[in-house]
């Protein structure tokens, strides 16, 4: 069963795949609330989908290698269906 936050996490994953970013840039570029992004990043981190580098304002988030591979597979399937 999919979660209500799945679409938002996919949006964040696609963004981070192309743009490793700090929390503020993710919020700004995706038009999402800071607390929303913070929650989804934490869920993704706990599930080994996101890693970070640095700390404080400069902390940059990016996808783990396994998340990158999974995202590529999902996109292949998605685009094949269109």
N, C-alpha and C. Protein backbone atom coordinates (compact mmCIF):
# COMPACT_ATOMS: atom_id res chain seq x y z
N UNK A 1 0.84 -1.17 0.00
CA UNK A 1 0.00 0.00 0.00
C UNK A 1 0.89 1.24 0.00
N UNK A 2 0.58 2.18 -0.83
CA UNK A 2 1.35 3.42 -0.92
C UNK A 2 0.98 4.34 0.25
N UNK A 3 1.92 5.19 0.61
CA UNK A 3 1.65 6.16 1.67
C UNK A 3 1.24 7.48 1.05
N UNK A 4 0.61 8.31 1.87
CA UNK A 4 0.20 9.63 1.39
C UNK A 4 1.41 10.47 1.01
N UNK A 5 2.54 10.24 1.66
CA UNK A 5 3.74 11.03 1.39
C UNK A 5 4.59 10.51 0.25
N UNK A 6 4.18 9.40 -0.35
CA UNK A 6 4.99 8.79 -1.41
C UNK A 6 5.25 9.71 -2.58
N UNK A 7 4.23 10.44 -3.00
CA UNK A 7 4.39 11.35 -4.15
C UNK A 7 5.37 12.47 -3.82
N UNK A 8 5.28 12.98 -2.60
CA UNK A 8 6.20 14.04 -2.19
C UNK A 8 7.62 13.51 -2.11
N UNK A 9 7.79 12.31 -1.57
CA UNK A 9 9.14 11.74 -1.49
C UNK A 9 9.71 11.47 -2.88
N UNK A 10 8.87 11.05 -3.82
CA UNK A 10 9.35 10.86 -5.20
C UNK A 10 9.79 12.19 -5.79
N UNK A 11 9.02 13.23 -5.53
CA UNK A 11 9.36 14.57 -6.03
C UNK A 11 10.73 15.00 -5.47
N UNK A 12 10.92 14.78 -4.18
CA UNK A 12 12.20 15.13 -3.54
C UNK A 12 13.32 14.26 -4.09
N UNK A 13 13.08 12.97 -4.26
CA UNK A 13 14.11 12.07 -4.78
C UNK A 13 14.53 12.48 -6.19
N UNK A 14 13.57 12.77 -7.04
CA UNK A 14 13.91 13.21 -8.41
C UNK A 14 14.74 14.49 -8.38
N UNK A 15 14.34 15.41 -7.52
CA UNK A 15 15.07 16.67 -7.40
C UNK A 15 16.50 16.43 -6.92
N UNK A 16 16.65 15.64 -5.85
CA UNK A 16 17.99 15.39 -5.30
C UNK A 16 18.87 14.60 -6.25
N UNK A 17 18.27 13.80 -7.10
CA UNK A 17 19.04 13.04 -8.08
C UNK A 17 19.80 13.99 -9.01
N UNK A 18 19.18 15.09 -9.35
CA UNK A 18 19.79 16.07 -10.25
C UNK A 18 20.46 17.23 -9.50
N UNK A 19 20.02 17.49 -8.26
CA UNK A 19 20.45 18.69 -7.54
C UNK A 19 20.71 18.42 -6.07
N UNK A 20 21.81 17.80 -5.70
CA UNK A 20 22.08 17.68 -4.26
C UNK A 20 22.00 19.08 -3.65
N UNK A 21 21.24 19.21 -2.56
CA UNK A 21 20.91 20.55 -2.06
C UNK A 21 20.72 20.58 -0.56
N UNK A 22 20.77 21.81 -0.02
CA UNK A 22 20.43 21.97 1.38
C UNK A 22 18.90 22.07 1.51
N UNK A 23 18.43 22.02 2.72
CA UNK A 23 17.00 22.00 2.99
C UNK A 23 16.27 23.22 2.40
N UNK A 24 16.88 24.40 2.54
CA UNK A 24 16.23 25.61 2.05
C UNK A 24 16.05 25.60 0.53
N UNK A 25 17.04 25.12 -0.18
CA UNK A 25 16.92 25.08 -1.64
C UNK A 25 15.85 24.07 -2.06
N UNK A 26 15.80 22.92 -1.39
CA UNK A 26 14.78 21.93 -1.71
C UNK A 26 13.40 22.57 -1.55
N UNK A 27 13.20 23.25 -0.42
CA UNK A 27 11.91 23.91 -0.15
C UNK A 27 11.59 24.94 -1.22
N UNK A 28 12.54 25.79 -1.50
CA UNK A 28 12.32 26.87 -2.47
C UNK A 28 12.03 26.33 -3.86
N UNK A 29 12.87 25.43 -4.34
CA UNK A 29 12.72 24.96 -5.71
C UNK A 29 11.51 24.07 -5.92
N UNK A 30 11.09 23.35 -4.88
CA UNK A 30 9.93 22.46 -5.01
C UNK A 30 8.65 23.10 -4.49
N UNK A 31 8.77 24.29 -3.89
CA UNK A 31 7.59 24.98 -3.38
C UNK A 31 6.95 24.26 -2.20
N UNK A 32 7.79 23.66 -1.35
CA UNK A 32 7.29 22.91 -0.21
C UNK A 32 7.66 23.60 1.10
N UNK A 33 6.86 23.37 2.12
CA UNK A 33 7.08 23.88 3.45
C UNK A 33 8.32 23.22 4.07
N UNK A 34 9.08 24.00 4.86
CA UNK A 34 10.31 23.49 5.46
C UNK A 34 10.05 22.25 6.31
N UNK A 35 9.03 22.28 7.16
CA UNK A 35 8.74 21.14 8.03
C UNK A 35 8.34 19.91 7.23
N UNK A 36 7.67 20.12 6.12
CA UNK A 36 7.29 19.00 5.25
C UNK A 36 8.54 18.34 4.69
N UNK A 37 9.44 19.15 4.16
CA UNK A 37 10.68 18.61 3.59
C UNK A 37 11.51 17.94 4.68
N UNK A 38 11.60 18.57 5.82
CA UNK A 38 12.36 18.01 6.94
C UNK A 38 11.82 16.62 7.31
N UNK A 39 10.51 16.49 7.38
CA UNK A 39 9.88 15.20 7.71
C UNK A 39 10.23 14.15 6.65
N UNK A 40 10.05 14.49 5.38
CA UNK A 40 10.28 13.51 4.31
C UNK A 40 11.76 13.14 4.19
N UNK A 41 12.64 14.10 4.37
CA UNK A 41 14.08 13.80 4.35
C UNK A 41 14.42 12.82 5.47
N UNK A 42 13.83 13.03 6.65
CA UNK A 42 14.10 12.13 7.77
C UNK A 42 13.59 10.72 7.49
N UNK A 43 12.39 10.60 6.92
CA UNK A 43 11.86 9.29 6.55
C UNK A 43 12.78 8.62 5.53
N UNK A 44 13.23 9.39 4.54
CA UNK A 44 14.11 8.86 3.51
C UNK A 44 15.47 8.47 4.09
N UNK A 45 15.96 9.26 5.04
CA UNK A 45 17.24 8.96 5.68
C UNK A 45 17.15 7.65 6.47
N UNK A 46 16.07 7.49 7.23
CA UNK A 46 15.88 6.27 8.03
C UNK A 46 15.77 5.03 7.16
N UNK A 47 15.35 5.21 5.92
CA UNK A 47 15.21 4.09 4.99
C UNK A 47 16.38 3.97 4.03
N UNK A 48 17.49 4.64 4.37
CA UNK A 48 18.73 4.58 3.58
C UNK A 48 18.55 5.01 2.13
N UNK A 49 17.72 6.02 1.92
CA UNK A 49 17.52 6.57 0.58
C UNK A 49 18.26 7.88 0.40
N UNK A 50 18.55 8.57 1.51
CA UNK A 50 19.20 9.88 1.47
C UNK A 50 20.36 9.90 2.44
N UNK A 51 21.44 10.56 2.02
CA UNK A 51 22.60 10.80 2.88
C UNK A 51 22.84 12.31 2.90
N UNK A 52 23.69 12.75 3.81
CA UNK A 52 24.02 14.17 3.85
C UNK A 52 25.51 14.35 4.06
N UNK A 53 25.94 15.55 3.74
CA UNK A 53 27.33 15.94 3.92
C UNK A 53 27.34 17.34 4.50
N UNK A 54 28.22 17.58 5.46
CA UNK A 54 28.28 18.90 6.09
C UNK A 54 27.32 18.98 7.26
N UNK A 55 27.18 20.20 7.79
CA UNK A 55 26.25 20.38 8.89
C UNK A 55 25.66 21.78 8.87
N UNK A 56 24.67 21.99 9.73
CA UNK A 56 24.02 23.29 9.80
C UNK A 56 23.38 23.67 8.48
N UNK A 57 23.40 24.98 8.20
CA UNK A 57 22.78 25.50 6.99
C UNK A 57 23.40 24.90 5.73
N UNK A 58 24.68 24.57 5.80
CA UNK A 58 25.38 24.04 4.63
C UNK A 58 25.21 22.54 4.41
N UNK A 59 24.42 21.87 5.25
CA UNK A 59 24.23 20.42 5.09
C UNK A 59 23.54 20.15 3.76
N UNK A 60 24.19 19.34 2.94
CA UNK A 60 23.68 19.01 1.61
C UNK A 60 23.17 17.58 1.62
N UNK A 61 21.98 17.40 1.07
CA UNK A 61 21.36 16.08 0.99
C UNK A 61 21.47 15.55 -0.43
N UNK A 62 21.66 14.24 -0.53
CA UNK A 62 21.73 13.60 -1.84
C UNK A 62 21.28 12.16 -1.70
N UNK A 63 20.92 11.54 -2.81
CA UNK A 63 20.45 10.16 -2.79
C UNK A 63 21.60 9.20 -2.56
N UNK A 64 21.32 8.09 -1.89
CA UNK A 64 22.30 7.02 -1.74
C UNK A 64 22.44 6.33 -3.10
N UNK A 65 23.53 5.63 -3.34
CA UNK A 65 23.68 4.92 -4.62
C UNK A 65 22.53 3.94 -4.89
N UNK A 66 22.05 3.24 -3.87
CA UNK A 66 20.94 2.30 -4.10
C UNK A 66 19.66 3.05 -4.45
N UNK A 67 19.43 4.21 -3.86
CA UNK A 67 18.25 5.01 -4.20
C UNK A 67 18.35 5.52 -5.64
N UNK A 68 19.55 5.92 -6.06
CA UNK A 68 19.76 6.37 -7.45
C UNK A 68 19.40 5.25 -8.42
N UNK A 69 19.88 4.04 -8.14
CA UNK A 69 19.58 2.90 -9.01
C UNK A 69 18.08 2.62 -9.04
N UNK A 70 17.46 2.63 -7.87
CA UNK A 70 16.02 2.38 -7.80
C UNK A 70 15.22 3.43 -8.55
N UNK A 71 15.61 4.68 -8.43
CA UNK A 71 14.92 5.76 -9.13
C UNK A 71 15.04 5.59 -10.64
N UNK A 72 16.21 5.22 -11.11
CA UNK A 72 16.40 4.99 -12.55
C UNK A 72 15.50 3.87 -13.05
N UNK A 73 15.37 2.80 -12.27
CA UNK A 73 14.49 1.69 -12.65
C UNK A 73 13.03 2.13 -12.69
N UNK A 74 12.60 2.88 -11.69
CA UNK A 74 11.22 3.38 -11.65
C UNK A 74 10.95 4.25 -12.86
N UNK A 75 11.89 5.13 -13.20
CA UNK A 75 11.69 6.02 -14.34
C UNK A 75 11.67 5.26 -15.65
N UNK A 76 12.48 4.20 -15.77
CA UNK A 76 12.44 3.38 -16.99
C UNK A 76 11.06 2.77 -17.17
N UNK A 77 10.53 2.22 -16.11
CA UNK A 77 9.20 1.59 -16.16
C UNK A 77 8.14 2.64 -16.46
N UNK A 78 8.22 3.79 -15.81
CA UNK A 78 7.24 4.85 -16.00
C UNK A 78 7.24 5.35 -17.44
N UNK A 79 8.41 5.61 -17.99
CA UNK A 79 8.48 6.14 -19.35
C UNK A 79 8.15 5.09 -20.40
N UNK A 80 8.37 3.84 -20.10
CA UNK A 80 8.04 2.76 -21.02
C UNK A 80 6.53 2.66 -21.20
N UNK A 81 5.78 2.97 -20.16
CA UNK A 81 4.32 2.87 -20.20
C UNK A 81 3.67 3.99 -20.99
N UNK A 82 4.33 5.11 -21.16
CA UNK A 82 3.72 6.27 -21.83
C UNK A 82 3.68 6.10 -23.32
